[in-house]
Amino acid sequence: MPVSDIWEVLRRPLITEKGTALAAEGKFLFEVHPDCTKAQVKQAIERAFKVSVVAVNIAVMPGKSRRWKRWTAYQSDWKKAVVTLKSGERIELFDA
């Protein structure tokens, strides 16, 4: 499935303790569409935030199992992208 829309590729920013520490190094975390590639993530970040992307690293995070009474449900696997920006550039979304 080709993913073309910017906000279809970038699902949401990940604001975590680890992500905040990485932001000081110019690296930002995003949850992305499971079918997208590094090139699509790079293009979406550059078009959405008007910054220069140096590198994109992607990891597939395994879904967790949840129990409710006697049933077990499983969350879907999801994809995380670590985006490295050109030195001196920032994404305003993470400055708050």
PDB file of N, CA and C in Angstrom:
ATOM      1  N   MET A   1       0.840  -1.181   0.000  1.00  0.00           N
ATOM      2  CA  MET A   1       0.000   0.000   0.000  1.00  0.00           C
ATOM      3  C   MET A   1       0.880   1.238   0.000  1.00  0.00           C
ATOM      4  N   PRO A   2       0.818   2.050  -1.029  1.00  0.00           N
ATOM      5  CA  PRO A   2       1.613   3.279  -1.025  1.00  0.00           C
ATOM      6  C   PRO A   2       1.020   4.306  -0.069  1.00  0.00           C
ATOM      7  N   VAL A   3       1.875   4.896   0.720  1.00  0.00           N
ATOM      8  CA  VAL A   3       1.445   5.907   1.684  1.00  0.00           C
ATOM      9  C   VAL A   3       1.940   7.246   1.165  1.00  0.00           C
ATOM     10  N   SER A   4       1.021   8.161   0.850  1.00  0.00           N
ATOM     11  CA  SER A   4       1.431   9.406   0.209  1.00  0.00           C
ATOM     12  C   SER A   4       1.177  10.645   1.057  1.00  0.00           C
ATOM     13  N   ASP A   5       0.129  10.667   1.858  1.00  0.00           N
ATOM     14  CA  ASP A   5      -0.217  11.844   2.640  1.00  0.00           C
ATOM     15  C   ASP A   5       0.760  12.005   3.809  1.00  0.00           C
ATOM     16  N   ILE A   6       1.179  13.250   4.069  1.00  0.00           N
ATOM     17  CA  ILE A   6       2.146  13.519   5.144  1.00  0.00           C
ATOM     18  C   ILE A   6       1.631  13.020   6.486  1.00  0.00           C
ATOM     19  N   TRP A   7       0.381  13.340   6.793  1.00  0.00           N
ATOM     20  CA  TRP A   7      -0.155  13.000   8.114  1.00  0.00           C
ATOM     21  C   TRP A   7      -0.642  11.563   8.182  1.00  0.00           C
ATOM     22  N   GLU A   8      -0.608  10.860   7.064  1.00  0.00           N
ATOM     23  CA  GLU A   8      -0.855   9.426   7.085  1.00  0.00           C
ATOM     24  C   GLU A   8       0.451   8.707   7.429  1.00  0.00           C
ATOM     25  N   VAL A   9       1.570   9.263   6.966  1.00  0.00           N
ATOM     26  CA  VAL A   9       2.893   8.701   7.281  1.00  0.00           C
ATOM     27  C   VAL A   9       3.237   8.974   8.744  1.00  0.00           C
ATOM     28  N   LEU A  10       3.117  10.233   9.164  1.00  0.00           N
ATOM     29  CA  LEU A  10       3.439  10.622  10.540  1.00  0.00           C
ATOM     30  C   LEU A  10       2.179  10.528  11.383  1.00  0.00           C
ATOM     31  N   ARG A  11       2.088   9.514  12.210  1.00  0.00           N
ATOM     32  CA  ARG A  11       0.879   9.341  13.013  1.00  0.00           C
ATOM     33  C   ARG A  11       0.854  10.299  14.200  1.00  0.00           C
ATOM     34  N   ARG A  12       1.951  10.346  14.966  1.00  0.00           N
ATOM     35  CA  ARG A  12       2.009  11.248  16.121  1.00  0.00           C
ATOM     36  C   ARG A  12       3.451  11.346  16.604  1.00  0.00           C
ATOM     37  N   PRO A  13       3.794  12.453  17.251  1.00  0.00           N
ATOM     38  CA  PRO A  13       5.123  12.539  17.866  1.00  0.00           C
ATOM     39  C   PRO A  13       5.129  11.735  19.162  1.00  0.00           C
ATOM     40  N   LEU A  14       6.271  11.181  19.504  1.00  0.00           N
ATOM     41  CA  LEU A  14       6.398  10.436  20.755  1.00  0.00           C
ATOM     42  C   LEU A  14       7.130  11.317  21.760  1.00  0.00           C
ATOM     43  N   ILE A  15       6.421  11.753  22.781  1.00  0.00           N
ATOM     44  CA  ILE A  15       7.000  12.601  23.820  1.00  0.00           C
ATOM     45  C   ILE A  15       7.231  11.707  25.038  1.00  0.00           C
ATOM     46  N   THR A  16       8.455  11.237  25.187  1.00  0.00           N
ATOM     47  CA  THR A  16       8.816  10.366  26.293  1.00  0.00           C
ATOM     48  C   THR A  16      10.082  10.911  26.951  1.00  0.00           C
ATOM     49  N   GLU A  17      10.470  10.302  28.044  1.00  0.00           N
ATOM     50  CA  GLU A  17      11.699  10.717  28.723  1.00  0.00           C
ATOM     51  C   GLU A  17      12.912  10.486  27.816  1.00  0.00           C
ATOM     52  N   LYS A  18      12.948   9.343  27.154  1.00  0.00           N
ATOM     53  CA  LYS A  18      14.046   9.047  26.233  1.00  0.00           C
ATOM     54  C   LYS A  18      14.023  10.006  25.043  1.00  0.00           C
ATOM     55  N   GLY A  19      12.831  10.297  24.537  1.00  0.00           N
ATOM     56  CA  GLY A  19      12.697  11.207  23.407  1.00  0.00           C
ATOM     57  C   GLY A  19      13.135  12.617  23.736  1.00  0.00           C
ATOM     58  N   THR A  20      12.857  13.062  24.949  1.00  0.00           N
ATOM     59  CA  THR A  20      13.277  14.392  25.383  1.00  0.00           C
ATOM     60  C   THR A  20      14.797  14.472  25.482  1.00  0.00           C
ATOM     61  N   ALA A  21      15.427  13.404  25.960  1.00  0.00           N
ATOM     62  CA  ALA A  21      16.889  13.375  26.034  1.00  0.00           C
ATOM     63  C   ALA A  21      17.502  13.373  24.629  1.00  0.00           C
ATOM     64  N   LEU A  22      16.883  12.658  23.701  1.00  0.00           N
ATOM     65  CA  LEU A  22      17.391  12.616  22.328  1.00  0.00           C
ATOM     66  C   LEU A  22      17.191  13.943  21.603  1.00  0.00           C
ATOM     67  N   ALA A  23      16.159  14.705  21.985  1.00  0.00           N
ATOM     68  CA  ALA A  23      15.891  15.992  21.335  1.00  0.00           C
ATOM     69  C   ALA A  23      17.046  16.962  21.543  1.00  0.00           C
ATOM     70  N   ALA A  24      17.761  16.837  22.651  1.00  0.00           N
ATOM     71  CA  ALA A  24      18.924  17.690  22.899  1.00  0.00           C
ATOM     72  C   ALA A  24      20.042  17.395  21.893  1.00  0.00           C
ATOM     73  N   GLU A  25      20.051  16.179  21.334  1.00  0.00           N
ATOM     74  CA  GLU A  25      21.050  15.788  20.336  1.00  0.00           C
ATOM     75  C   GLU A  25      20.558  16.019  18.907  1.00  0.00           C
ATOM     76  N   GLY A  26      19.355  16.574  18.766  1.00  0.00           N
ATOM     77  CA  GLY A  26      18.807  16.821  17.434  1.00  0.00           C
ATOM     78  C   GLY A  26      18.097  15.623  16.836  1.00  0.00           C
ATOM     79  N   LYS A  27      17.667  14.673  17.696  1.00  0.00           N
ATOM     80  CA  LYS A  27      16.948  13.482  17.241  1.00  0.00           C
ATOM     81  C   LYS A  27      15.531  13.531  17.808  1.00  0.00           C
ATOM     82  N   PHE A  28      14.547  13.216  16.960  1.00  0.00           N
ATOM     83  CA  PHE A  28      13.149  13.317  17.360  1.00  0.00           C
ATOM     84  C   PHE A  28      12.425  12.020  17.032  1.00  0.00           C
ATOM     85  N   LEU A  29      11.496  11.617  17.912  1.00  0.00           N
ATOM     86  CA  LEU A  29      10.783  10.351  17.772  1.00  0.00           C
ATOM     87  C   LEU A  29       9.370  10.567  17.245  1.00  0.00           C
ATOM     88  N   PHE A  30       8.955   9.686  16.325  1.00  0.00           N
ATOM     89  CA  PHE A  30       7.605   9.719  15.778  1.00  0.00           C
ATOM     90  C   PHE A  30       7.075   8.300  15.645  1.00  0.00           C
ATOM     91  N   GLU A  31       5.767   8.145  15.853  1.00  0.00           N
ATOM     92  CA  GLU A  31       5.102   6.906  15.466  1.00  0.00           C
ATOM     93  C   GLU A  31       4.691   7.089  14.012  1.00  0.00           C
ATOM     94  N   VAL A  32       5.030   6.120  13.168  1.00  0.00           N
ATOM     95  CA  VAL A  32       4.766   6.247  11.735  1.00  0.00           C
ATOM     96  C   VAL A  32       3.921   5.069  11.248  1.00  0.00           C
ATOM     97  N   HIS A  33       3.402   5.199  10.036  1.00  0.00           N
ATOM     98  CA  HIS A  33       2.574   4.157   9.422  1.00  0.00           C
ATOM     99  C   HIS A  33       3.402   2.885   9.264  1.00  0.00           C
ATOM    100  N   PRO A  34       2.837   1.715   9.552  1.00  0.00           N
ATOM    101  CA  PRO A  34       3.606   0.466   9.484  1.00  0.00           C
ATOM    102  C   PRO A  34       4.151   0.117   8.100  1.00  0.00           C
ATOM    103  N   ASP A  35       3.547   0.645   7.033  1.00  0.00           N
ATOM    104  CA  ASP A  35       3.996   0.298   5.682  1.00  0.00           C
ATOM    105  C   ASP A  35       4.954   1.314   5.071  1.00  0.00           C
ATOM    106  N   CYS A  36       5.274   2.388   5.780  1.00  0.00           N
ATOM    107  CA  CYS A  36       6.105   3.432   5.176  1.00  0.00           C
ATOM    108  C   CYS A  36       7.596   3.075   5.262  1.00  0.00           C
ATOM    109  N   THR A  37       8.370   3.713   4.396  1.00  0.00           N
ATOM    110  CA  THR A  37       9.808   3.476   4.321  1.00  0.00           C
ATOM    111  C   THR A  37      10.560   4.667   4.917  1.00  0.00           C
ATOM    112  N   LYS A  38      11.878   4.518   5.044  1.00  0.00           N
ATOM    113  CA  LYS A  38      12.703   5.614   5.558  1.00  0.00           C
ATOM    114  C   LYS A  38      12.618   6.834   4.647  1.00  0.00           C
ATOM    115  N   ALA A  39      12.609   6.607   3.345  1.00  0.00           N
ATOM    116  CA  ALA A  39      12.539   7.717   2.388  1.00  0.00           C
ATOM    117  C   ALA A  39      11.219   8.474   2.522  1.00  0.00           C
ATOM    118  N   GLN A  40      10.122   7.762   2.737  1.00  0.00           N
ATOM    119  CA  GLN A  40       8.826   8.413   2.912  1.00  0.00           C
ATOM    120  C   GLN A  40       8.783   9.219   4.203  1.00  0.00           C
ATOM    121  N   VAL A  41       9.378   8.691   5.275  1.00  0.00           N
ATOM    122  CA  VAL A  41       9.419   9.414   6.547  1.00  0.00           C
ATOM    123  C   VAL A  41      10.251  10.678   6.386  1.00  0.00           C
ATOM    124  N   LYS A  42      11.402  10.567   5.734  1.00  0.00           N
ATOM    125  CA  LYS A  42      12.265  11.732   5.515  1.00  0.00           C
ATOM    126  C   LYS A  42      11.529  12.815   4.735  1.00  0.00           C
ATOM    127  N   GLN A  43      10.875  12.437   3.656  1.00  0.00           N
ATOM    128  CA  GLN A  43      10.149  13.397   2.828  1.00  0.00           C
ATOM    129  C   GLN A  43       9.001  14.039   3.611  1.00  0.00           C
ATOM    130  N   ALA A  44       8.281  13.261   4.402  1.00  0.00           N
ATOM    131  CA  ALA A  44       7.156  13.790   5.178  1.00  0.00           C
ATOM    132  C   ALA A  44       7.625  14.785   6.237  1.00  0.00           C
ATOM    133  N   ILE A  45       8.727  14.486   6.934  1.00  0.00           N
ATOM    134  CA  ILE A  45       9.259  15.393   7.962  1.00  0.00           C
ATOM    135  C   ILE A  45       9.721  16.693   7.318  1.00  0.00           C
ATOM    136  N   GLU A  46      10.447  16.590   6.209  1.00  0.00           N
ATOM    137  CA  GLU A  46      10.951  17.800   5.544  1.00  0.00           C
ATOM    138  C   GLU A  46       9.813  18.679   5.037  1.00  0.00           C
ATOM    139  N   ARG A  47       8.749  18.078   4.510  1.00  0.00           N
ATOM    140  CA  ARG A  47       7.626  18.868   4.006  1.00  0.00           C
ATOM    141  C   ARG A  47       6.764  19.427   5.136  1.00  0.00           C
ATOM    142  N   ALA A  48       6.576  18.683   6.214  1.00  0.00           N
ATOM    143  CA  ALA A  48       5.690  19.117   7.295  1.00  0.00           C
ATOM    144  C   ALA A  48       6.322  20.194   8.170  1.00  0.00           C
ATOM    145  N   PHE A  49       7.612  20.077   8.463  1.00  0.00           N
ATOM    146  CA  PHE A  49       8.252  20.971   9.432  1.00  0.00           C
ATOM    147  C   PHE A  49       9.305  21.891   8.824  1.00  0.00           C
ATOM    148  N   LYS A  50       9.561  21.805   7.512  1.00  0.00           N
ATOM    149  CA  LYS A  50      10.520  22.676   6.816  1.00  0.00           C
ATOM    150  C   LYS A  50      11.912  22.606   7.451  1.00  0.00           C
ATOM    151  N   VAL A  51      12.416  21.382   7.640  1.00  0.00           N
ATOM    152  CA  VAL A  51      13.746  21.153   8.202  1.00  0.00           C
ATOM    153  C   VAL A  51      14.511  20.213   7.274  1.00  0.00           C
ATOM    154  N   SER A  52      15.823  20.085   7.506  1.00  0.00           N
ATOM    155  CA  SER A  52      16.665  19.172   6.728  1.00  0.00           C
ATOM    156  C   SER A  52      16.938  17.917   7.547  1.00  0.00           C
ATOM    157  N   VAL A  53      16.573  16.775   7.012  1.00  0.00           N
ATOM    158  CA  VAL A  53      16.763  15.499   7.704  1.00  0.00           C
ATOM    159  C   VAL A  53      18.078  14.879   7.245  1.00  0.00           C
ATOM    160  N   VAL A  54      18.922  14.496   8.213  1.00  0.00           N
ATOM    161  CA  VAL A  54      20.206  13.860   7.921  1.00  0.00           C
ATOM    162  C   VAL A  54      20.051  12.346   7.864  1.00  0.00           C
ATOM    163  N   ALA A  55      19.304  11.764   8.816  1.00  0.00           N
ATOM    164  CA  ALA A  55      19.151  10.308   8.880  1.00  0.00           C
ATOM    165  C   ALA A  55      17.800   9.941   9.476  1.00  0.00           C
ATOM    166  N   VAL A  56      17.332   8.752   9.103  1.00  0.00           N
ATOM    167  CA  VAL A  56      16.100   8.194   9.663  1.00  0.00           C
ATOM    168  C   VAL A  56      16.386   6.755  10.059  1.00  0.00           C
ATOM    169  N   ASN A  57      16.126   6.420  11.313  1.00  0.00           N
ATOM    170  CA  ASN A  57      16.234   5.042  11.792  1.00  0.00           C
ATOM    171  C   ASN A  57      14.835   4.578  12.167  1.00  0.00           C
ATOM    172  N   ILE A  58      14.494   3.351  11.790  1.00  0.00           N
ATOM    173  CA  ILE A  58      13.148   2.830  12.032  1.00  0.00           C
ATOM    174  C   ILE A  58      13.242   1.532  12.821  1.00  0.00           C
ATOM    175  N   ALA A  59      12.332   1.374  13.796  1.00  0.00           N
ATOM    176  CA  ALA A  59      12.241   0.147  14.581  1.00  0.00           C
ATOM    177  C   ALA A  59      10.780  -0.286  14.638  1.00  0.00           C
ATOM    178  N   VAL A  60      10.551  -1.594  14.507  1.00  0.00           N
ATOM    179  CA  VAL A  60       9.201  -2.128  14.660  1.00  0.00           C
ATOM    180  C   VAL A  60       9.049  -2.553  16.114  1.00  0.00           C
ATOM    181  N   MET A  61       8.096  -1.918  16.798  1.00  0.00           N
ATOM    182  CA  MET A  61       7.875  -2.184  18.211  1.00  0.00           C
ATOM    183  C   MET A  61       6.794  -3.263  18.343  1.00  0.00           C
ATOM    184  N   PRO A  62       7.047  -4.317  19.101  1.00  0.00           N
ATOM    185  CA  PRO A  62       6.056  -5.393  19.210  1.00  0.00           C
ATOM    186  C   PRO A  62       4.845  -4.959  20.029  1.00  0.00           C
ATOM    187  N   GLY A  63       3.669  -5.416  19.611  1.00  0.00           N
ATOM    188  CA  GLY A  63       2.447  -5.137  20.358  1.00  0.00           C
ATOM    189  C   GLY A  63       2.431  -5.937  21.655  1.00  0.00           C
ATOM    190  N   LYS A  64       1.687  -5.450  22.619  1.00  0.00           N
ATOM    191  CA  LYS A  64       1.626  -6.106  23.922  1.00  0.00           C
ATOM    192  C   LYS A  64       0.324  -6.888  24.056  1.00  0.00           C
ATOM    193  N   SER A  65       0.346  -7.885  24.908  1.00  0.00           N
ATOM    194  CA  SER A  65      -0.884  -8.613  25.191  1.00  0.00           C
ATOM    195  C   SER A  65      -1.539  -7.998  26.422  1.00  0.00           C
ATOM    196  N   ARG A  66      -2.845  -7.907  26.388  1.00  0.00           N
ATOM    197  CA  ARG A  66      -3.615  -7.345  27.495  1.00  0.00           C
ATOM    198  C   ARG A  66      -4.625  -8.390  27.945  1.00  0.00           C
ATOM    199  N   ARG A  67      -4.805  -8.502  29.261  1.00  0.00           N
ATOM    200  CA  ARG A  67      -5.781  -9.453  29.787  1.00  0.00           C
ATOM    201  C   ARG A  67      -6.956  -8.704  30.370  1.00  0.00           C
ATOM    202  N   TRP A  68      -8.136  -9.248  30.138  1.00  0.00           N
ATOM    203  CA  TRP A  68      -9.342  -8.709  30.735  1.00  0.00           C
ATOM    204  C   TRP A  68     -10.204  -9.892  31.113  1.00  0.00           C
ATOM    205  N   LYS A  69     -10.368 -10.085  32.418  1.00  0.00           N
ATOM    206  CA  LYS A  69     -11.045 -11.258  32.967  1.00  0.00           C
ATOM    207  C   LYS A  69     -10.369 -12.524  32.433  1.00  0.00           C
ATOM    208  N   ARG A  70     -11.064 -13.309  31.629  1.00  0.00           N
ATOM    209  CA  ARG A  70     -10.433 -14.542  31.137  1.00  0.00           C
ATOM    210  C   ARG A  70      -9.977 -14.452  29.687  1.00  0.00           C
ATOM    211  N   TRP A  71     -10.076 -13.283  29.078  1.00  0.00           N
ATOM    212  CA  TRP A  71      -9.703 -13.110  27.679  1.00  0.00           C
ATOM    213  C   TRP A  71      -8.353 -12.419  27.544  1.00  0.00           C
ATOM    214  N   THR A  72      -7.658 -12.758  26.506  1.00  0.00           N
ATOM    215  CA  THR A  72      -6.400 -12.098  26.178  1.00  0.00           C
ATOM    216  C   THR A  72      -6.568 -11.393  24.840  1.00  0.00           C
ATOM    217  N   ALA A  73      -6.241 -10.115  24.821  1.00  0.00           N
ATOM    218  CA  ALA A  73      -6.293  -9.325  23.591  1.00  0.00           C
ATOM    219  C   ALA A  73      -4.875  -8.888  23.257  1.00  0.00           C
ATOM    220  N   TYR A  74      -4.610  -8.666  21.986  1.00  0.00           N
ATOM    221  CA  TYR A  74      -3.276  -8.282  21.554  1.00  0.00           C
ATOM    222  C   TYR A  74      -3.318  -6.940  20.838  1.00  0.00           C
ATOM    223  N   GLN A  75      -2.425  -6.039  21.232  1.00  0.00           N
ATOM    224  CA  GLN A  75      -2.289  -4.779  20.517  1.00  0.00           C
ATOM    225  C   GLN A  75      -1.454  -5.031  19.264  1.00  0.00           C
ATOM    226  N   SER A  76      -1.681  -4.238  18.249  1.00  0.00           N
ATOM    227  CA  SER A  76      -0.935  -4.392  17.000  1.00  0.00           C
ATOM    228  C   SER A  76       0.509  -3.926  17.170  1.00  0.00           C
ATOM    229  N   ASP A  77       1.404  -4.487  16.354  1.00  0.00           N
ATOM    230  CA  ASP A  77       2.771  -3.974  16.291  1.00  0.00           C
ATOM    231  C   ASP A  77       2.717  -2.574  15.686  1.00  0.00           C
ATOM    232  N   TRP A  78       3.689  -1.732  16.038  1.00  0.00           N
ATOM    233  CA  TRP A  78       3.731  -0.378  15.493  1.00  0.00           C
ATOM    234  C   TRP A  78       5.162  -0.013  15.166  1.00  0.00           C
ATOM    235  N   LYS A  79       5.320   1.026  14.363  1.00  0.00           N
ATOM    236  CA  LYS A  79       6.635   1.405  13.862  1.00  0.00           C
ATOM    237  C   LYS A  79       7.040   2.755  14.438  1.00  0.00           C
ATOM    238  N   LYS A  80       8.283   2.812  14.928  1.00  0.00           N
ATOM    239  CA  LYS A  80       8.837   4.037  15.517  1.00  0.00           C
ATOM    240  C   LYS A  80       9.977   4.528  14.641  1.00  0.00           C
ATOM    241  N   ALA A  81      10.015   5.843  14.405  1.00  0.00           N
ATOM    242  CA  ALA A  81      11.084   6.437  13.605  1.00  0.00           C
ATOM    243  C   ALA A  81      11.868   7.425  14.458  1.00  0.00           C
ATOM    244  N   VAL A  82      13.197   7.323  14.406  1.00  0.00           N
ATOM    245  CA  VAL A  82      14.082   8.290  15.049  1.00  0.00           C
ATOM    246  C   VAL A  82      14.669   9.133  13.923  1.00  0.00           C
ATOM    247  N   VAL A  83      14.319  10.419  13.922  1.00  0.00           N
ATOM    248  CA  VAL A  83      14.708  11.327  12.844  1.00  0.00           C
ATOM    249  C   VAL A  83      15.822  12.237  13.340  1.00  0.00           C
ATOM    250  N   THR A  84      16.973  12.233  12.661  1.00  0.00           N
ATOM    251  CA  THR A  84      18.099  13.098  12.996  1.00  0.00           C
ATOM    252  C   THR A  84      18.094  14.292  12.055  1.00  0.00           C
ATOM    253  N   LEU A  85      18.099  15.492  12.642  1.00  0.00           N
ATOM    254  CA  LEU A  85      18.074  16.719  11.852  1.00  0.00           C
ATOM    255  C   LEU A  85      19.473  17.292  11.699  1.00  0.00           C
ATOM    256  N   LYS A  86      19.622  18.175  10.722  1.00  0.00           N
ATOM    257  CA  LYS A  86      20.869  18.901  10.508  1.00  0.00           C
ATOM    258  C   LYS A  86      21.169  19.705  11.769  1.00  0.00           C
ATOM    259  N   SER A  87      22.443  19.828  12.145  1.00  0.00           N
ATOM    260  CA  SER A  87      22.794  20.505  13.395  1.00  0.00           C
ATOM    261  C   SER A  87      22.291  21.943  13.394  1.00  0.00           C
ATOM    262  N   GLY A  88      21.724  22.341  14.518  1.00  0.00           N
ATOM    263  CA  GLY A  88      21.190  23.690  14.662  1.00  0.00           C
ATOM    264  C   GLY A  88      19.707  23.798  14.355  1.00  0.00           C
ATOM    265  N   GLU A  89      19.111  22.786  13.726  1.00  0.00           N
ATOM    266  CA  GLU A  89      17.687  22.825  13.407  1.00  0.00           C
ATOM    267  C   GLU A  89      16.886  22.091  14.473  1.00  0.00           C
ATOM    268  N   ARG A  90      15.650  22.558  14.687  1.00  0.00           N
ATOM    269  CA  ARG A  90      14.773  21.956  15.687  1.00  0.00           C
ATOM    270  C   ARG A  90      13.357  21.881  15.140  1.00  0.00           C
ATOM    271  N   ILE A  91      12.559  21.031  15.746  1.00  0.00           N
ATOM    272  CA  ILE A  91      11.130  20.972  15.446  1.00  0.00           C
ATOM    273  C   ILE A  91      10.416  21.642  16.609  1.00  0.00           C
ATOM    274  N   GLU A  92       9.667  22.690  16.319  1.00  0.00           N
ATOM    275  CA  GLU A  92       9.019  23.501  17.356  1.00  0.00           C
ATOM    276  C   GLU A  92       8.048  22.692  18.208  1.00  0.00           C
ATOM    277  N   LEU A  93       7.507  21.635  17.666  1.00  0.00           N
ATOM    278  CA  LEU A  93       6.542  20.802  18.368  1.00  0.00           C
ATOM    279  C   LEU A  93       7.124  20.229  19.662  1.00  0.00           C
ATOM    280  N   PHE A  94       8.433  19.997  19.691  1.00  0.00           N
ATOM    281  CA  PHE A  94       9.085  19.373  20.835  1.00  0.00           C
ATOM    282  C   PHE A  94       9.681  20.384  21.813  1.00  0.00           C
ATOM    283  N   ASP A  95       9.568  21.672  21.546  1.00  0.00           N
ATOM    284  CA  ASP A  95      10.183  22.682  22.406  1.00  0.00           C
ATOM    285  C   ASP A  95       9.365  23.008  23.645  1.00  0.00           C
ATOM    286  N   ALA A  96       8.121  22.595  23.692  1.00  0.00           N
ATOM    287  CA  ALA A  96       7.248  22.961  24.814  1.00  0.00           C
ATOM    288  C   ALA A  96       7.657  22.319  26.111  1.00  0.00           C
TER     289      ALA A  96
END
